Amino acid sequence: LINPVHAAEPISPLTPSPYLPISRRFINFTYTRPE
């Protein structure tokens, strides 16, 4: 069971709370691994 990974802001500062997302429709792309 993981914390919500809903969408966040595109640039800093990022809201710390995963329970206050920008959108529940999409995914938080800051969790992406570039490599």
ModelCIF file with pLDDT and N, C-alpha, C, O atoms, coordinates in Angstrom:
data_MODEL
#
_entry.id   MODEL 
#
_entity.id                         1 
_entity.type                       polymer 
_entity.pdbx_number_of_molecules   1 
#
_entity_poly.entity_id                      1 
_entity_poly.type                           'polypeptide(L)' 
_entity_poly.nstd_linkage                   no 
_entity_poly.nstd_monomer                   no 
_entity_poly.pdbx_seq_one_letter_code       LINPVHAAEPISPLTPSPYLPISRRFINFTYTRPE 
_entity_poly.pdbx_seq_one_letter_code_can   LINPVHAAEPISPLTPSPYLPISRRFINFTYTRPE 
_entity_poly.pdbx_strand_id                 A 
#
loop_
_entity_poly_seq.entity_id 
_entity_poly_seq.num 
_entity_poly_seq.mon_id 
_entity_poly_seq.hetero 
1 1  LEU n 
1 2  ILE n 
1 3  ASN n 
1 4  PRO n 
1 5  VAL n 
1 6  HIS n 
1 7  ALA n 
1 8  ALA n 
1 9  GLU n 
1 10 PRO n 
1 11 ILE n 
1 12 SER n 
1 13 PRO n 
1 14 LEU n 
1 15 THR n 
1 16 PRO n 
1 17 SER n 
1 18 PRO n 
1 19 TYR n 
1 20 LEU n 
1 21 PRO n 
1 22 ILE n 
1 23 SER n 
1 24 ARG n 
1 25 ARG n 
1 26 PHE n 
1 27 ILE n 
1 28 ASN n 
1 29 PHE n 
1 30 THR n 
1 31 TYR n 
1 32 THR n 
1 33 ARG n 
1 34 PRO n 
1 35 GLU n 
#
_struct_asym.id          A 
_struct_asym.entity_id   1 
#
loop_
_ma_qa_metric.id 
_ma_qa_metric.mode 
_ma_qa_metric.name 
_ma_qa_metric.software_group_id 
_ma_qa_metric.type 
1 global pLDDT . pLDDT 
2 local  pLDDT . pLDDT 
#
_ma_qa_metric_global.metric_id      1 
_ma_qa_metric_global.metric_value   96.77 
_ma_qa_metric_global.model_id       1 
_ma_qa_metric_global.ordinal_id     1 
#
loop_
_ma_qa_metric_local.label_asym_id 
_ma_qa_metric_local.label_comp_id 
_ma_qa_metric_local.label_seq_id 
_ma_qa_metric_local.metric_id 
_ma_qa_metric_local.metric_value 
_ma_qa_metric_local.model_id 
_ma_qa_metric_local.ordinal_id 
A LEU 1  2 98.00 1 1  
A ILE 2  2 98.00 1 2  
A ASN 3  2 98.00 1 3  
A PRO 4  2 98.00 1 4  
A VAL 5  2 98.00 1 5  
A HIS 6  2 98.00 1 6  
A ALA 7  2 98.00 1 7  
A ALA 8  2 97.00 1 8  
A GLU 9  2 97.00 1 9  
A PRO 10 2 97.00 1 10 
A ILE 11 2 96.00 1 11 
A SER 12 2 95.00 1 12 
A PRO 13 2 95.00 1 13 
A LEU 14 2 96.00 1 14 
A THR 15 2 95.00 1 15 
A PRO 16 2 96.00 1 16 
A SER 17 2 95.00 1 17 
A PRO 18 2 96.00 1 18 
A TYR 19 2 94.00 1 19 
A LEU 20 2 94.00 1 20 
A PRO 21 2 96.00 1 21 
A ILE 22 2 96.00 1 22 
A SER 23 2 96.00 1 23 
A ARG 24 2 96.00 1 24 
A ARG 25 2 96.00 1 25 
A PHE 26 2 97.00 1 26 
A ILE 27 2 97.00 1 27 
A ASN 28 2 98.00 1 28 
A PHE 29 2 98.00 1 29 
A THR 30 2 98.00 1 30 
A TYR 31 2 98.00 1 31 
A THR 32 2 98.00 1 32 
A ARG 33 2 98.00 1 33 
A PRO 34 2 98.00 1 34 
A GLU 35 2 98.00 1 35 
#
loop_
_atom_site.group_PDB 
_atom_site.id 
_atom_site.type_symbol 
_atom_site.label_atom_id 
_atom_site.label_alt_id 
_atom_site.label_comp_id 
_atom_site.label_asym_id 
_atom_site.label_entity_id 
_atom_site.label_seq_id 
_atom_site.pdbx_PDB_ins_code 
_atom_site.Cartn_x 
_atom_site.Cartn_y 
_atom_site.Cartn_z 
_atom_site.occupancy 
_atom_site.B_iso_or_equiv 
_atom_site.pdbx_formal_charge 
_atom_site.auth_seq_id 
_atom_site.auth_comp_id 
_atom_site.auth_asym_id 
_atom_site.auth_atom_id 
_atom_site.pdbx_PDB_model_num 
ATOM 1   N N  . LEU A 1 1  ? 0.865  -1.183 0.000   1.00 98.00 ? 1  LEU A N  1 
ATOM 2   C CA . LEU A 1 1  ? 0.000  0.000  0.000   1.00 98.00 ? 1  LEU A CA 1 
ATOM 3   C C  . LEU A 1 1  ? 0.894  1.223  0.000   1.00 98.00 ? 1  LEU A C  1 
ATOM 4   O O  . LEU A 1 1  ? 1.681  1.424  0.925   1.00 98.00 ? 1  LEU A O  1 
ATOM 5   N N  . ILE A 1 2  ? 0.773  2.048  -1.045  1.00 98.00 ? 2  ILE A N  1 
ATOM 6   C CA . ILE A 1 2  ? 1.600  3.246  -1.142  1.00 98.00 ? 2  ILE A CA 1 
ATOM 7   C C  . ILE A 1 2  ? 0.736  4.496  -0.986  1.00 98.00 ? 2  ILE A C  1 
ATOM 8   O O  . ILE A 1 2  ? -0.485 4.449  -1.140  1.00 98.00 ? 2  ILE A O  1 
ATOM 9   N N  . ASN A 1 3  ? 1.388  5.601  -0.681  1.00 98.00 ? 3  ASN A N  1 
ATOM 10  C CA . ASN A 1 3  ? 0.704  6.889  -0.585  1.00 98.00 ? 3  ASN A CA 1 
ATOM 11  C C  . ASN A 1 3  ? 0.142  7.268  -1.949  1.00 98.00 ? 3  ASN A C  1 
ATOM 12  O O  . ASN A 1 3  ? 0.588  6.731  -2.963  1.00 98.00 ? 3  ASN A O  1 
ATOM 13  N N  . PRO A 1 4  ? -0.830 8.183  -2.003  1.00 98.00 ? 4  PRO A N  1 
ATOM 14  C CA . PRO A 1 4  ? -1.345 8.619  -3.301  1.00 98.00 ? 4  PRO A CA 1 
ATOM 15  C C  . PRO A 1 4  ? -0.219 9.138  -4.189  1.00 98.00 ? 4  PRO A C  1 
ATOM 16  O O  . PRO A 1 4  ? 0.679  9.839  -3.722  1.00 98.00 ? 4  PRO A O  1 
ATOM 17  N N  . VAL A 1 5  ? -0.275 8.790  -5.467  1.00 98.00 ? 5  VAL A N  1 
ATOM 18  C CA . VAL A 1 5  ? 0.707  9.289  -6.436  1.00 98.00 ? 5  VAL A CA 1 
ATOM 19  C C  . VAL A 1 5  ? -0.009 10.093 -7.513  1.00 98.00 ? 5  VAL A C  1 
ATOM 20  O O  . VAL A 1 5  ? 0.331  10.024 -8.694  1.00 98.00 ? 5  VAL A O  1 
ATOM 21  N N  . HIS A 1 6  ? -1.012 10.859 -7.077  1.00 98.00 ? 6  HIS A N  1 
ATOM 22  C CA . HIS A 1 6  ? -1.727 11.744 -7.996  1.00 98.00 ? 6  HIS A CA 1 
ATOM 23  C C  . HIS A 1 6  ? -0.806 12.872 -8.467  1.00 98.00 ? 6  HIS A C  1 
ATOM 24  O O  . HIS A 1 6  ? 0.263  13.102 -7.901  1.00 98.00 ? 6  HIS A O  1 
ATOM 25  N N  . ALA A 1 7  ? -1.247 13.564 -9.513  1.00 98.00 ? 7  ALA A N  1 
ATOM 26  C CA . ALA A 1 7  ? -0.441 14.593 -10.170 1.00 98.00 ? 7  ALA A CA 1 
ATOM 27  C C  . ALA A 1 7  ? -0.104 15.766 -9.252  1.00 98.00 ? 7  ALA A C  1 
ATOM 28  O O  . ALA A 1 7  ? -0.884 16.145 -8.379  1.00 98.00 ? 7  ALA A O  1 
ATOM 29  N N  . ALA A 1 8  ? 1.079  16.324 -9.476  1.00 97.00 ? 8  ALA A N  1 
ATOM 30  C CA . ALA A 1 8  ? 1.579  17.438 -8.663  1.00 97.00 ? 8  ALA A CA 1 
ATOM 31  C C  . ALA A 1 8  ? 1.879  18.645 -9.551  1.00 97.00 ? 8  ALA A C  1 
ATOM 32  O O  . ALA A 1 8  ? 1.548  18.654 -10.737 1.00 97.00 ? 8  ALA A O  1 
ATOM 33  N N  . GLU A 1 9  ? 2.509  19.660 -8.964  1.00 97.00 ? 9  GLU A N  1 
ATOM 34  C CA . GLU A 1 9  ? 2.895  20.854 -9.701  1.00 97.00 ? 9  GLU A CA 1 
ATOM 35  C C  . GLU A 1 9  ? 4.022  20.519 -10.691 1.00 97.00 ? 9  GLU A C  1 
ATOM 36  O O  . GLU A 1 9  ? 4.736  19.534 -10.506 1.00 97.00 ? 9  GLU A O  1 
ATOM 37  N N  . PRO A 1 10 ? 4.179  21.338 -11.739 1.00 97.00 ? 10 PRO A N  1 
ATOM 38  C CA . PRO A 1 10 ? 5.216  21.060 -12.738 1.00 97.00 ? 10 PRO A CA 1 
ATOM 39  C C  . PRO A 1 10 ? 6.599  21.568 -12.354 1.00 97.00 ? 10 PRO A C  1 
ATOM 40  O O  . PRO A 1 10 ? 7.606  21.046 -12.833 1.00 97.00 ? 10 PRO A O  1 
ATOM 41  N N  . ILE A 1 11 ? 6.658  22.581 -11.494 1.00 96.00 ? 11 ILE A N  1 
ATOM 42  C CA . ILE A 1 11 ? 7.944  23.137 -11.062 1.00 96.00 ? 11 ILE A CA 1 
ATOM 43  C C  . ILE A 1 11 ? 7.880  23.414 -9.566  1.00 96.00 ? 11 ILE A C  1 
ATOM 44  O O  . ILE A 1 11 ? 6.803  23.446 -8.970  1.00 96.00 ? 11 ILE A O  1 
ATOM 45  N N  . SER A 1 12 ? 9.034  23.609 -8.979  1.00 95.00 ? 12 SER A N  1 
ATOM 46  C CA . SER A 1 12 ? 9.114  23.879 -7.550  1.00 95.00 ? 12 SER A CA 1 
ATOM 47  C C  . SER A 1 12 ? 8.498  25.242 -7.237  1.00 95.00 ? 12 SER A C  1 
ATOM 48  O O  . SER A 1 12 ? 8.532  26.145 -8.073  1.00 95.00 ? 12 SER A O  1 
ATOM 49  N N  . PRO A 1 13 ? 7.924  25.396 -6.016  1.00 95.00 ? 13 PRO A N  1 
ATOM 50  C CA . PRO A 1 13 ? 7.892  24.415 -4.928  1.00 95.00 ? 13 PRO A CA 1 
ATOM 51  C C  . PRO A 1 13 ? 6.770  23.394 -5.094  1.00 95.00 ? 13 PRO A C  1 
ATOM 52  O O  . PRO A 1 13 ? 5.670  23.722 -5.540  1.00 95.00 ? 13 PRO A O  1 
ATOM 53  N N  . LEU A 1 14 ? 7.070  22.160 -4.727  1.00 96.00 ? 14 LEU A N  1 
ATOM 54  C CA . LEU A 1 14 ? 6.100  21.078 -4.816  1.00 96.00 ? 14 LEU A CA 1 
ATOM 55  C C  . LEU A 1 14 ? 5.366  20.930 -3.485  1.00 96.00 ? 14 LEU A C  1 
ATOM 56  O O  . LEU A 1 14 ? 5.978  21.027 -2.421  1.00 96.00 ? 14 LEU A O  1 
ATOM 57  N N  . THR A 1 15 ? 4.061  20.697 -3.547  1.00 95.00 ? 15 THR A N  1 
ATOM 58  C CA . THR A 1 15 ? 3.275  20.490 -2.329  1.00 95.00 ? 15 THR A CA 1 
ATOM 59  C C  . THR A 1 15 ? 3.693  19.171 -1.687  1.00 95.00 ? 15 THR A C  1 
ATOM 60  O O  . THR A 1 15 ? 3.627  18.131 -2.343  1.00 95.00 ? 15 THR A O  1 
ATOM 61  N N  . PRO A 1 16 ? 4.120  19.181 -0.423  1.00 96.00 ? 16 PRO A N  1 
ATOM 62  C CA . PRO A 1 16 ? 4.572  17.937 0.203   1.00 96.00 ? 16 PRO A CA 1 
ATOM 63  C C  . PRO A 1 16 ? 3.479  16.879 0.345   1.00 96.00 ? 16 PRO A C  1 
ATOM 64  O O  . PRO A 1 16 ? 3.744  15.687 0.189   1.00 96.00 ? 16 PRO A O  1 
ATOM 65  N N  . SER A 1 17 ? 2.256  17.310 0.640   1.00 95.00 ? 17 SER A N  1 
ATOM 66  C CA . SER A 1 17 ? 1.217  16.332 0.945   1.00 95.00 ? 17 SER A CA 1 
ATOM 67  C C  . SER A 1 17 ? 0.739  15.596 -0.295  1.00 95.00 ? 17 SER A C  1 
ATOM 68  O O  . SER A 1 17 ? 0.310  16.230 -1.259  1.00 95.00 ? 17 SER A O  1 
ATOM 69  N N  . PRO A 1 18 ? 0.803  14.260 -0.289  1.00 96.00 ? 18 PRO A N  1 
ATOM 70  C CA . PRO A 1 18 ? 0.254  13.486 -1.408  1.00 96.00 ? 18 PRO A CA 1 
ATOM 71  C C  . PRO A 1 18 ? -1.266 13.472 -1.385  1.00 96.00 ? 18 PRO A C  1 
ATOM 72  O O  . PRO A 1 18 ? -1.903 13.010 -2.332  1.00 96.00 ? 18 PRO A O  1 
ATOM 73  N N  . TYR A 1 19 ? -1.848 13.982 -0.298  1.00 94.00 ? 19 TYR A N  1 
ATOM 74  C CA . TYR A 1 19 ? -3.307 14.019 -0.172  1.00 94.00 ? 19 TYR A CA 1 
ATOM 75  C C  . TYR A 1 19 ? -3.888 15.369 -0.603  1.00 94.00 ? 19 TYR A C  1 
ATOM 76  O O  . TYR A 1 19 ? -5.076 15.627 -0.414  1.00 94.00 ? 19 TYR A O  1 
ATOM 77  N N  . LEU A 1 20 ? -3.047 16.221 -1.180  1.00 94.00 ? 20 LEU A N  1 
ATOM 78  C CA . LEU A 1 20 ? -3.518 17.500 -1.718  1.00 94.00 ? 20 LEU A CA 1 
ATOM 79  C C  . LEU A 1 20 ? -3.005 17.630 -3.155  1.00 94.00 ? 20 LEU A C  1 
ATOM 80  O O  . LEU A 1 20 ? -2.194 18.511 -3.443  1.00 94.00 ? 20 LEU A O  1 
ATOM 81  N N  . PRO A 1 21 ? -3.470 16.761 -4.058  1.00 96.00 ? 21 PRO A N  1 
ATOM 82  C CA . PRO A 1 21 ? -2.933 16.735 -5.419  1.00 96.00 ? 21 PRO A CA 1 
ATOM 83  C C  . PRO A 1 21 ? -3.499 17.839 -6.302  1.00 96.00 ? 21 PRO A C  1 
ATOM 84  O O  . PRO A 1 21 ? -4.537 18.431 -6.004  1.00 96.00 ? 21 PRO A O  1 
ATOM 85  N N  . ILE A 1 22 ? -2.794 18.097 -7.386  1.00 96.00 ? 22 ILE A N  1 
ATOM 86  C CA . ILE A 1 22 ? -3.262 19.039 -8.394  1.00 96.00 ? 22 ILE A CA 1 
ATOM 87  C C  . ILE A 1 22 ? -4.400 18.414 -9.198  1.00 96.00 ? 22 ILE A C  1 
ATOM 88  O O  . ILE A 1 22 ? -5.332 19.102 -9.615  1.00 96.00 ? 22 ILE A O  1 
ATOM 89  N N  . SER A 1 23 ? -4.311 17.104 -9.408  1.00 96.00 ? 23 SER A N  1 
ATOM 90  C CA . SER A 1 23 ? -5.346 16.357 -10.119 1.00 96.00 ? 23 SER A CA 1 
ATOM 91  C C  . SER A 1 23 ? -5.286 14.907 -9.670  1.00 96.00 ? 23 SER A C  1 
ATOM 92  O O  . SER A 1 23 ? -4.206 14.332 -9.539  1.00 96.00 ? 23 SER A O  1 
ATOM 93  N N  . ARG A 1 24 ? -6.460 14.315 -9.434  1.00 96.00 ? 24 ARG A N  1 
ATOM 94  C CA . ARG A 1 24 ? -6.513 12.881 -9.122  1.00 96.00 ? 24 ARG A CA 1 
ATOM 95  C C  . ARG A 1 24 ? -6.606 12.054 -10.398 1.00 96.00 ? 24 ARG A C  1 
ATOM 96  O O  . ARG A 1 24 ? -6.520 10.827 -10.368 1.00 96.00 ? 24 ARG A O  1 
ATOM 97  N N  . ARG A 1 25 ? -6.779 12.733 -11.497 1.00 96.00 ? 25 ARG A N  1 
ATOM 98  C CA . ARG A 1 25 ? -6.947 12.050 -12.780 1.00 96.00 ? 25 ARG A CA 1 
ATOM 99  C C  . ARG A 1 25 ? -5.623 11.524 -13.323 1.00 96.00 ? 25 ARG A C  1 
ATOM 100 O O  . ARG A 1 25 ? -5.603 10.540 -14.062 1.00 96.00 ? 25 ARG A O  1 
ATOM 101 N N  . PHE A 1 26 ? -4.502 12.182 -12.956 1.00 97.00 ? 26 PHE A N  1 
ATOM 102 C CA . PHE A 1 26 ? -3.206 11.831 -13.531 1.00 97.00 ? 26 PHE A CA 1 
ATOM 103 C C  . PHE A 1 26 ? -2.165 11.500 -12.462 1.00 97.00 ? 26 PHE A C  1 
ATOM 104 O O  . PHE A 1 26 ? -2.427 11.574 -11.261 1.00 97.00 ? 26 PHE A O  1 
ATOM 105 N N  . ILE A 1 27 ? -0.975 11.132 -12.942 1.00 97.00 ? 27 ILE A N  1 
ATOM 106 C CA . ILE A 1 27 ? 0.089  10.601 -12.095 1.00 97.00 ? 27 ILE A CA 1 
ATOM 107 C C  . ILE A 1 27 ? 1.138  11.677 -11.821 1.00 97.00 ? 27 ILE A C  1 
ATOM 108 O O  . ILE A 1 27 ? 1.375  12.557 -12.649 1.00 97.00 ? 27 ILE A O  1 
ATOM 109 N N  . ASN A 1 28 ? 1.751  11.592 -10.665 1.00 98.00 ? 28 ASN A N  1 
ATOM 110 C CA . ASN A 1 28 ? 2.808  12.525 -10.274 1.00 98.00 ? 28 ASN A CA 1 
ATOM 111 C C  . ASN A 1 28 ? 4.089  12.184 -11.028 1.00 98.00 ? 28 ASN A C  1 
ATOM 112 O O  . ASN A 1 28 ? 4.774  11.216 -10.701 1.00 98.00 ? 28 ASN A O  1 
ATOM 113 N N  . PHE A 1 29 ? 4.406  12.997 -12.049 1.00 98.00 ? 29 PHE A N  1 
ATOM 114 C CA . PHE A 1 29 ? 5.568  12.659 -12.878 1.00 98.00 ? 29 PHE A CA 1 
ATOM 115 C C  . PHE A 1 29 ? 6.900  12.949 -12.203 1.00 98.00 ? 29 PHE A C  1 
ATOM 116 O O  . PHE A 1 29 ? 7.946  12.652 -12.780 1.00 98.00 ? 29 PHE A O  1 
ATOM 117 N N  . THR A 1 30 ? 6.900  13.516 -11.007 1.00 98.00 ? 30 THR A N  1 
ATOM 118 C CA . THR A 1 30 ? 8.180  13.686 -10.310 1.00 98.00 ? 30 THR A CA 1 
ATOM 119 C C  . THR A 1 30 ? 8.722  12.350 -9.809  1.00 98.00 ? 30 THR A C  1 
ATOM 120 O O  . THR A 1 30 ? 9.886  12.265 -9.416  1.00 98.00 ? 30 THR A O  1 
ATOM 121 N N  . TYR A 1 31 ? 7.876  11.288 -9.820  1.00 98.00 ? 31 TYR A N  1 
ATOM 122 C CA . TYR A 1 31 ? 8.325  9.953  -9.421  1.00 98.00 ? 31 TYR A CA 1 
ATOM 123 C C  . TYR A 1 31 ? 9.009  9.201  -10.563 1.00 98.00 ? 31 TYR A C  1 
ATOM 124 O O  . TYR A 1 31 ? 9.418  8.055  -10.379 1.00 98.00 ? 31 TYR A O  1 
ATOM 125 N N  . THR A 1 32 ? 9.139  9.818  -11.730 1.00 98.00 ? 32 THR A N  1 
ATOM 126 C CA . THR A 1 32 ? 9.750  9.167  -12.885 1.00 98.00 ? 32 THR A CA 1 
ATOM 127 C C  . THR A 1 32 ? 11.239 8.910  -12.642 1.00 98.00 ? 32 THR A C  1 
ATOM 128 O O  . THR A 1 32 ? 11.920 9.724  -12.019 1.00 98.00 ? 32 THR A O  1 
ATOM 129 N N  . ARG A 1 33 ? 11.736 7.779  -13.137 1.00 98.00 ? 33 ARG A N  1 
ATOM 130 C CA . ARG A 1 33 ? 13.183 7.507  -13.131 1.00 98.00 ? 33 ARG A CA 1 
ATOM 131 C C  . ARG A 1 33 ? 13.710 7.770  -14.551 1.00 98.00 ? 33 ARG A C  1 
ATOM 132 O O  . ARG A 1 33 ? 13.409 6.999  -15.462 1.00 98.00 ? 33 ARG A O  1 
ATOM 133 N N  . PRO A 1 34 ? 14.487 8.837  -14.757 1.00 98.00 ? 34 PRO A N  1 
ATOM 134 C CA . PRO A 1 34 ? 14.935 9.207  -16.107 1.00 98.00 ? 34 PRO A CA 1 
ATOM 135 C C  . PRO A 1 34 ? 15.670 8.087  -16.846 1.00 98.00 ? 34 PRO A C  1 
ATOM 136 O O  . PRO A 1 34 ? 15.452 7.889  -18.041 1.00 98.00 ? 34 PRO A O  1 
ATOM 137 N N  . GLU A 1 35 ? 16.533 7.360  -16.148 1.00 98.00 ? 35 GLU A N  1 
ATOM 138 C CA . GLU A 1 35 ? 17.345 6.336  -16.809 1.00 98.00 ? 35 GLU A CA 1 
ATOM 139 C C  . GLU A 1 35 ? 16.525 5.165  -17.336 1.00 98.00 ? 35 GLU A C  1 
ATOM 140 O O  . GLU A 1 35 ? 17.081 4.232  -17.914 1.00 98.00 ? 35 GLU A O  1 
#
